[in-house]
PDB file of N, CA and C in Angstrom:
ATOM      1  N   MET A   1       0.955  -1.139  -0.073  1.00  0.00           N
ATOM      2  CA  MET A   1      -0.031  -0.179   0.153  1.00  0.00           C
ATOM      3  C   MET A   1       0.779   1.356   0.057  1.00  0.00           C
ATOM      4  N   SER A   2       0.902   2.296  -0.704  1.00  0.00           N
ATOM      5  CA  SER A   2       1.422   3.436  -1.174  1.00  0.00           C
ATOM      6  C   SER A   2       0.845   4.582  -0.514  1.00  0.00           C
ATOM      7  N   VAL A   3       1.548   5.529   0.137  1.00  0.00           N
ATOM      8  CA  VAL A   3       1.356   6.920   0.765  1.00  0.00           C
ATOM      9  C   VAL A   3       1.794   7.897  -0.408  1.00  0.00           C
ATOM     10  N   LYS A   4       0.445   8.718  -0.457  1.00  0.00           N
ATOM     11  CA  LYS A   4       0.938   9.773  -1.445  1.00  0.00           C
ATOM     12  C   LYS A   4       1.682  10.818  -0.579  1.00  0.00           C
ATOM     13  N   SER A   5       2.841  11.297  -1.005  1.00  0.00           N
ATOM     14  CA  SER A   5       3.296  12.715  -0.804  1.00  0.00           C
ATOM     15  C   SER A   5       2.392  13.658  -0.197  1.00  0.00           C
ATOM     16  N   PRO A   6       2.395  14.494   1.069  1.00  0.00           N
ATOM     17  CA  PRO A   6       1.228  15.429   1.127  1.00  0.00           C
ATOM     18  C   PRO A   6       1.213  16.872   0.298  1.00  0.00           C
ATOM     19  N   ASN A   7       2.633  16.433  -0.764  1.00  0.00           N
ATOM     20  CA  ASN A   7       2.811  17.907  -1.757  1.00  0.00           C
ATOM     21  C   ASN A   7       2.355  17.160  -2.997  1.00  0.00           C
ATOM     22  N   TRP A   8       1.704  15.963  -3.209  1.00  0.00           N
ATOM     23  CA  TRP A   8       0.515  16.199  -4.588  1.00  0.00           C
ATOM     24  C   TRP A   8       0.148  16.693  -4.692  1.00  0.00           C
ATOM     25  N   SER A   9      -0.427  17.190  -6.264  1.00  0.00           N
ATOM     26  CA  SER A   9      -0.892  17.942  -7.002  1.00  0.00           C
ATOM     27  C   SER A   9      -2.389  17.618  -6.242  1.00  0.00           C
ATOM     28  N   GLY A  10      -3.007  17.049  -6.024  1.00  0.00           N
ATOM     29  CA  GLY A  10      -4.753  17.024  -5.774  1.00  0.00           C
ATOM     30  C   GLY A  10      -4.429  17.352  -3.765  1.00  0.00           C
ATOM     31  N   ASP A  11      -3.474  17.695  -2.858  1.00  0.00           N
ATOM     32  CA  ASP A  11      -3.674  17.456  -1.519  1.00  0.00           C
ATOM     33  C   ASP A  11      -4.790  17.977  -1.131  1.00  0.00           C
ATOM     34  N   CYS A  12      -5.388  17.703  -0.095  1.00  0.00           N
ATOM     35  CA  CYS A  12      -6.485  17.702   0.455  1.00  0.00           C
ATOM     36  C   CYS A  12      -6.312  19.357   0.783  1.00  0.00           C
ATOM     37  N   ARG A  13      -5.332  20.243   1.099  1.00  0.00           N
ATOM     38  CA  ARG A  13      -5.683  21.943   0.723  1.00  0.00           C
ATOM     39  C   ARG A  13      -6.417  22.253  -0.120  1.00  0.00           C
ATOM     40  N   SER A  14      -5.749  21.487  -1.552  1.00  0.00           N
ATOM     41  CA  SER A  14      -6.532  22.147  -2.532  1.00  0.00           C
ATOM     42  C   SER A  14      -7.995  21.808  -2.939  1.00  0.00           C
ATOM     43  N   HIS A  15      -8.052  20.900  -2.275  1.00  0.00           N
ATOM     44  CA  HIS A  15      -9.609  20.307  -2.172  1.00  0.00           C
ATOM     45  C   HIS A  15     -10.542  21.181  -1.545  1.00  0.00           C
ATOM     46  N   THR A  16     -10.820  21.377  -0.492  1.00  0.00           N
ATOM     47  CA  THR A  16     -11.236  21.971   0.527  1.00  0.00           C
ATOM     48  C   THR A  16     -11.363  23.436  -0.016  1.00  0.00           C
ATOM     49  N   ALA A  17     -10.505  24.077  -0.321  1.00  0.00           N
ATOM     50  CA  ALA A  17     -10.467  25.252  -0.407  1.00  0.00           C
ATOM     51  C   ALA A  17     -11.436  25.899  -2.043  1.00  0.00           C
ATOM     52  N   ARG A  18     -11.343  24.711  -3.138  1.00  0.00           N
ATOM     53  CA  ARG A  18     -12.235  24.325  -3.817  1.00  0.00           C
ATOM     54  C   ARG A  18     -13.586  24.203  -3.463  1.00  0.00           C
ATOM     55  N   ALA A  19     -13.713  23.285  -2.219  1.00  0.00           N
ATOM     56  CA  ALA A  19     -15.517  22.893  -1.909  1.00  0.00           C
ATOM     57  C   ALA A  19     -15.636  24.152  -1.497  1.00  0.00           C
ATOM     58  N   LYS A  20     -15.217  25.486  -1.067  1.00  0.00           N
ATOM     59  CA  LYS A  20     -15.756  26.399  -0.253  1.00  0.00           C
ATOM     60  C   LYS A  20     -16.529  27.680  -1.382  1.00  0.00           C
ATOM     61  N   HIS A  21     -16.116  27.599  -2.826  1.00  0.00           N
ATOM     62  CA  HIS A  21     -16.577  27.992  -3.791  1.00  0.00           C
ATOM     63  C   HIS A  21     -17.530  27.636  -4.832  1.00  0.00           C
ATOM     64  N   ILE A  22     -19.020  27.020  -4.330  1.00  0.00           N
ATOM     65  CA  ILE A  22     -19.985  25.940  -4.833  1.00  0.00           C
ATOM     66  C   ILE A  22     -20.490  27.259  -5.394  1.00  0.00           C
ATOM     67  N   ASN A  23     -20.676  27.232  -6.712  1.00  0.00           N
ATOM     68  CA  ASN A  23     -21.903  28.457  -7.624  1.00  0.00           C
ATOM     69  C   ASN A  23     -22.990  28.126  -6.765  1.00  0.00           C
ATOM     70  N   HIS A  24     -23.862  29.147  -6.295  1.00  0.00           N
ATOM     71  CA  HIS A  24     -25.285  28.865  -5.410  1.00  0.00           C
ATOM     72  C   HIS A  24     -26.028  29.770  -6.708  1.00  0.00           C
ATOM     73  N   LEU A  25     -25.880  30.496  -7.609  1.00  0.00           N
ATOM     74  CA  LEU A  25     -26.181  31.182  -8.739  1.00  0.00           C
ATOM     75  C   LEU A  25     -27.387  30.455  -9.308  1.00  0.00           C
ATOM     76  N   GLY A  26     -28.497  30.788  -9.374  1.00  0.00           N
ATOM     77  CA  GLY A  26     -29.871  29.768  -9.853  1.00  0.00           C
ATOM     78  C   GLY A  26     -30.374  29.396  -8.629  1.00  0.00           C
ATOM     79  N   ASN A  27     -29.929  29.180  -7.478  1.00  0.00           N
ATOM     80  CA  ASN A  27     -30.635  28.539  -6.672  1.00  0.00           C
ATOM     81  C   ASN A  27     -31.613  29.803  -5.752  1.00  0.00           C
ATOM     82  N   PRO A  28     -32.631  29.380  -5.698  1.00  0.00           N
ATOM     83  CA  PRO A  28     -33.722  30.458  -5.478  1.00  0.00           C
ATOM     84  C   PRO A  28     -33.435  30.578  -3.834  1.00  0.00           C
ATOM     85  N   LEU A  29     -33.028  29.686  -3.310  1.00  0.00           N
ATOM     86  CA  LEU A  29     -33.150  29.615  -1.876  1.00  0.00           C
ATOM     87  C   LEU A  29     -32.095  30.768  -1.287  1.00  0.00           C
ATOM     88  N   TRP A  30     -30.527  30.159  -2.078  1.00  0.00           N
ATOM     89  CA  TRP A  30     -29.913  30.684  -1.617  1.00  0.00           C
ATOM     90  C   TRP A  30     -29.824  32.158  -2.104  1.00  0.00           C
ATOM     91  N   GLU A  31     -30.231  32.869  -3.093  1.00  0.00           N
ATOM     92  CA  GLU A  31     -30.445  33.957  -3.512  1.00  0.00           C
ATOM     93  C   GLU A  31     -31.479  35.048  -2.616  1.00  0.00           C
ATOM     94  N   TYR A  32     -32.492  34.046  -2.435  1.00  0.00           N
ATOM     95  CA  TYR A  32     -33.570  34.644  -2.021  1.00  0.00           C
ATOM     96  C   TYR A  32     -32.793  35.167  -0.094  1.00  0.00           C
ATOM     97  N   ARG A  33     -31.955  34.132   0.560  1.00  0.00           N
ATOM     98  CA  ARG A  33     -31.158  34.448   1.396  1.00  0.00           C
ATOM     99  C   ARG A  33     -30.535  35.800   1.621  1.00  0.00           C
ATOM    100  N   VAL A  34     -29.508  35.357   0.891  1.00  0.00           N
ATOM    101  CA  VAL A  34     -28.578  36.507   0.480  1.00  0.00           C
ATOM    102  C   VAL A  34     -28.899  38.360   0.081  1.00  0.00           C
ATOM    103  N   SER A  35     -30.273  38.082  -0.380  1.00  0.00           N
ATOM    104  CA  SER A  35     -30.856  39.428  -1.303  1.00  0.00           C
ATOM    105  C   SER A  35     -31.561  40.044   0.402  1.00  0.00           C
ATOM    106  N   HIS A  36     -31.432  39.001   1.312  1.00  0.00           N
ATOM    107  CA  HIS A  36     -32.453  39.467   2.211  1.00  0.00           C
ATOM    108  C   HIS A  36     -31.869  39.513   4.001  1.00  0.00           C
ATOM    109  N   GLY A  37     -29.888  39.389   3.552  1.00  0.00           N
ATOM    110  CA  GLY A  37     -29.232  39.470   4.502  1.00  0.00           C
ATOM    111  C   GLY A  37     -29.048  38.498   5.965  1.00  0.00           C
ATOM    112  N   LEU A  38     -30.052  37.122   5.170  1.00  0.00           N
ATOM    113  CA  LEU A  38     -30.225  36.169   5.881  1.00  0.00           C
ATOM    114  C   LEU A  38     -28.689  35.504   6.475  1.00  0.00           C
ATOM    115  N   THR A  39     -28.329  34.999   7.677  1.00  0.00           N
ATOM    116  CA  THR A  39     -27.622  33.612   7.294  1.00  0.00           C
ATOM    117  C   THR A  39     -28.827  32.709   7.310  1.00  0.00           C
ATOM    118  N   GLN A  40     -27.952  30.946   7.186  1.00  0.00           N
ATOM    119  CA  GLN A  40     -28.905  29.910   6.997  1.00  0.00           C
ATOM    120  C   GLN A  40     -29.094  29.789   8.233  1.00  0.00           C
ATOM    121  N   ARG A  41     -28.672  30.229   9.711  1.00  0.00           N
ATOM    122  CA  ARG A  41     -29.398  29.961  11.121  1.00  0.00           C
ATOM    123  C   ARG A  41     -30.331  30.608  11.099  1.00  0.00           C
ATOM    124  N   ASP A  42     -30.643  31.992  11.019  1.00  0.00           N
ATOM    125  CA  ASP A  42     -31.778  33.359  10.616  1.00  0.00           C
ATOM    126  C   ASP A  42     -32.737  32.277   9.706  1.00  0.00           C
ATOM    127  N   LEU A  43     -32.101  32.054   8.873  1.00  0.00           N
ATOM    128  CA  LEU A  43     -33.612  31.609   7.618  1.00  0.00           C
ATOM    129  C   LEU A  43     -34.300  30.119   8.153  1.00  0.00           C
ATOM    130  N   ALA A  44     -33.470  29.116   8.617  1.00  0.00           N
ATOM    131  CA  ALA A  44     -33.745  28.528   9.626  1.00  0.00           C
ATOM    132  C   ALA A  44     -34.788  28.474  10.151  1.00  0.00           C
ATOM    133  N   GLU A  45     -34.571  28.962  11.267  1.00  0.00           N
ATOM    134  CA  GLU A  45     -35.567  29.666  12.468  1.00  0.00           C
ATOM    135  C   GLU A  45     -37.098  30.661  11.594  1.00  0.00           C
ATOM    136  N   GLU A  46     -37.329  30.810  10.818  1.00  0.00           N
ATOM    137  CA  GLU A  46     -37.509  31.687  10.128  1.00  0.00           C
ATOM    138  C   GLU A  46     -39.029  30.540   9.657  1.00  0.00           C
ATOM    139  N   ILE A  47     -38.469  29.508   9.047  1.00  0.00           N
ATOM    140  CA  ILE A  47     -38.249  28.658   7.892  1.00  0.00           C
ATOM    141  C   ILE A  47     -39.251  27.089   8.718  1.00  0.00           C
ATOM    142  N   TYR A  48     -38.365  27.388  10.084  1.00  0.00           N
ATOM    143  CA  TYR A  48     -39.087  26.091  10.666  1.00  0.00           C
ATOM    144  C   TYR A  48     -38.273  24.675  10.222  1.00  0.00           C
ATOM    145  N   ILE A  49     -37.204  24.935   9.980  1.00  0.00           N
ATOM    146  CA  ILE A  49     -36.035  24.152   9.431  1.00  0.00           C
ATOM    147  C   ILE A  49     -35.268  23.964  10.010  1.00  0.00           C
ATOM    148  N   SER A  50     -34.293  22.602   9.933  1.00  0.00           N
ATOM    149  CA  SER A  50     -32.901  22.874  10.692  1.00  0.00           C
ATOM    150  C   SER A  50     -31.940  23.702   9.694  1.00  0.00           C
ATOM    151  N   GLN A  51     -30.523  24.679  10.075  1.00  0.00           N
ATOM    152  CA  GLN A  51     -29.856  24.755   9.504  1.00  0.00           C
ATOM    153  C   GLN A  51     -29.080  24.006   8.870  1.00  0.00           C
ATOM    154  N   GLN A  52     -28.701  22.592   8.938  1.00  0.00           N
ATOM    155  CA  GLN A  52     -28.032  21.697   7.721  1.00  0.00           C
ATOM    156  C   GLN A  52     -29.054  21.384   7.011  1.00  0.00           C
ATOM    157  N   CYS A  53     -30.749  21.635   6.553  1.00  0.00           N
ATOM    158  CA  CYS A  53     -31.571  21.703   5.832  1.00  0.00           C
ATOM    159  C   CYS A  53     -31.207  22.475   4.346  1.00  0.00           C
ATOM    160  N   ILE A  54     -31.076  23.677   5.207  1.00  0.00           N
ATOM    161  CA  ILE A  54     -31.097  24.988   3.928  1.00  0.00           C
ATOM    162  C   ILE A  54     -29.754  24.898   3.436  1.00  0.00           C
ATOM    163  N   SER A  55     -28.668  24.092   4.118  1.00  0.00           N
ATOM    164  CA  SER A  55     -27.488  24.332   3.996  1.00  0.00           C
ATOM    165  C   SER A  55     -27.089  22.582   2.743  1.00  0.00           C
ATOM    166  N   ASP A  56     -27.947  22.206   2.886  1.00  0.00           N
ATOM    167  CA  ASP A  56     -27.868  21.018   1.806  1.00  0.00           C
ATOM    168  C   ASP A  56     -28.747  21.461   0.401  1.00  0.00           C
ATOM    169  N   MET A  57     -29.533  22.281   0.800  1.00  0.00           N
ATOM    170  CA  MET A  57     -30.588  22.387  -0.332  1.00  0.00           C
ATOM    171  C   MET A  57     -29.430  23.493  -1.230  1.00  0.00           C
ATOM    172  N   GLU A  58     -29.464  24.172  -0.283  1.00  0.00           N
ATOM    173  CA  GLU A  58     -28.266  25.334  -0.674  1.00  0.00           C
ATOM    174  C   GLU A  58     -27.364  24.709  -1.302  1.00  0.00           C
ATOM    175  N   ARG A  59     -26.571  23.767  -1.320  1.00  0.00           N
ATOM    176  CA  ARG A  59     -25.570  22.998  -1.658  1.00  0.00           C
ATOM    177  C   ARG A  59     -25.575  22.206  -2.945  1.00  0.00           C
ATOM    178  N   GLY A  60     -27.052  21.471  -3.159  1.00  0.00           N
ATOM    179  CA  GLY A  60     -27.444  20.429  -4.483  1.00  0.00           C
ATOM    180  C   GLY A  60     -27.419  19.074  -3.665  1.00  0.00           C
ATOM    181  N   ARG A  61     -27.224  19.082  -1.998  1.00  0.00           N
ATOM    182  CA  ARG A  61     -27.198  18.056  -1.688  1.00  0.00           C
ATOM    183  C   ARG A  61     -28.762  17.031  -1.502  1.00  0.00           C
ATOM    184  N   ALA A  62     -29.520  18.542  -1.692  1.00  0.00           N
ATOM    185  CA  ALA A  62     -30.968  18.048  -1.667  1.00  0.00           C
ATOM    186  C   ALA A  62     -31.619  18.682  -2.252  1.00  0.00           C
ATOM    187  N   LYS A  63     -32.723  18.162  -2.608  1.00  0.00           N
ATOM    188  CA  LYS A  63     -34.022  18.679  -3.284  1.00  0.00           C
ATOM    189  C   LYS A  63     -34.325  19.926  -2.292  1.00  0.00           C
ATOM    190  N   ILE A  64     -34.811  21.300  -3.153  1.00  0.00           N
ATOM    191  CA  ILE A  64     -35.679  21.945  -2.205  1.00  0.00           C
ATOM    192  C   ILE A  64     -37.196  21.324  -2.161  1.00  0.00           C
ATOM    193  N   SER A  65     -37.540  21.054  -0.888  1.00  0.00           N
ATOM    194  CA  SER A  65     -38.685  20.658  -0.429  1.00  0.00           C
ATOM    195  C   SER A  65     -39.989  21.327  -0.728  1.00  0.00           C
ATOM    196  N   LYS A  66     -40.479  21.096  -1.141  1.00  0.00           N
ATOM    197  CA  LYS A  66     -42.150  21.174  -1.469  1.00  0.00           C
ATOM    198  C   LYS A  66     -42.960  22.388  -0.460  1.00  0.00           C
ATOM    199  N   TYR A  67     -42.195  22.082   0.910  1.00  0.00           N
ATOM    200  CA  TYR A  67     -43.079  23.155   2.212  1.00  0.00           C
ATOM    201  C   TYR A  67     -41.608  24.152   1.838  1.00  0.00           C
ATOM    202  N   VAL A  68     -39.967  24.238   1.568  1.00  0.00           N
ATOM    203  CA  VAL A  68     -39.255  25.206   1.170  1.00  0.00           C
ATOM    204  C   VAL A  68     -40.166  25.842  -0.469  1.00  0.00           C
ATOM    205  N   ARG A  69     -40.333  25.187  -1.156  1.00  0.00           N
ATOM    206  CA  ARG A  69     -40.748  26.079  -2.308  1.00  0.00           C
ATOM    207  C   ARG A  69     -41.801  26.950  -2.458  1.00  0.00           C
ATOM    208  N   GLY A  70     -43.324  26.215  -1.459  1.00  0.00           N
ATOM    209  CA  GLY A  70     -44.599  26.744  -1.309  1.00  0.00           C
ATOM    210  C   GLY A  70     -43.759  28.503  -0.544  1.00  0.00           C
ATOM    211  N   TRP A  71     -42.865  28.088   0.456  1.00  0.00           N
ATOM    212  CA  TRP A  71     -42.680  29.355   1.195  1.00  0.00           C
ATOM    213  C   TRP A  71     -42.182  29.994   0.333  1.00  0.00           C
ATOM    214  N   LEU A  72     -41.320  30.254  -0.547  1.00  0.00           N
ATOM    215  CA  LEU A  72     -40.216  30.592  -1.398  1.00  0.00           C
ATOM    216  C   LEU A  72     -41.837  31.595  -2.419  1.00  0.00           C
ATOM    217  N   GLN A  73     -42.328  30.689  -2.812  1.00  0.00           N
ATOM    218  CA  GLN A  73     -43.322  31.236  -3.264  1.00  0.00           C
ATOM    219  C   GLN A  73     -44.380  32.488  -2.959  1.00  0.00           C
ATOM    220  N   GLU A  74     -44.437  32.111  -1.568  1.00  0.00           N
ATOM    221  CA  GLU A  74     -45.775  32.609  -0.933  1.00  0.00           C
ATOM    222  C   GLU A  74     -44.710  34.550  -0.918  1.00  0.00           C
ATOM    223  N   ARG A  75     -43.612  34.443  -0.597  1.00  0.00           N
ATOM    224  CA  ARG A  75     -43.098  35.567  -1.140  1.00  0.00           C
ATOM    225  C   ARG A  75     -42.526  35.855  -2.767  1.00  0.00           C
ATOM    226  N   GLY A  76     -43.309  35.629  -3.277  1.00  0.00           N
ATOM    227  CA  GLY A  76     -42.617  36.086  -4.612  1.00  0.00           C
ATOM    228  C   GLY A  76     -41.580  35.408  -5.299  1.00  0.00           C
ATOM    229  N   VAL A  77     -41.026  34.678  -5.159  1.00  0.00           N
ATOM    230  CA  VAL A  77     -39.450  34.039  -5.275  1.00  0.00           C
ATOM    231  C   VAL A  77     -39.745  32.973  -6.427  1.00  0.00           C
ATOM    232  N   ALA A  78     -39.477  33.137  -7.633  1.00  0.00           N
ATOM    233  CA  ALA A  78     -39.436  32.168  -8.326  1.00  0.00           C
ATOM    234  C   ALA A  78     -39.078  30.704  -8.335  1.00  0.00           C
ATOM    235  N   VAL A  79     -39.955  29.416  -8.381  1.00  0.00           N
ATOM    236  CA  VAL A  79     -38.788  28.346  -8.385  1.00  0.00           C
ATOM    237  C   VAL A  79     -39.044  27.552  -9.030  1.00  0.00           C
TER     238      VAL A  79
END
């Protein structure tokens, strides 16, 4: 079993840096949150779901739920 040097071109530092730059454009939940100056925690409390759910939906790890879609539509956001 070989162990890769920490200086190889794909080390975890570059992976971690890339992971922080996720393209949220086109995500109505993220756009609403940012345009209203809310943190994920603030929005989660307002919608009554967990901050982790907000994060997962914004990052594309989970689809925006019907409940959240309805909540956004009530506020005039096109989903």
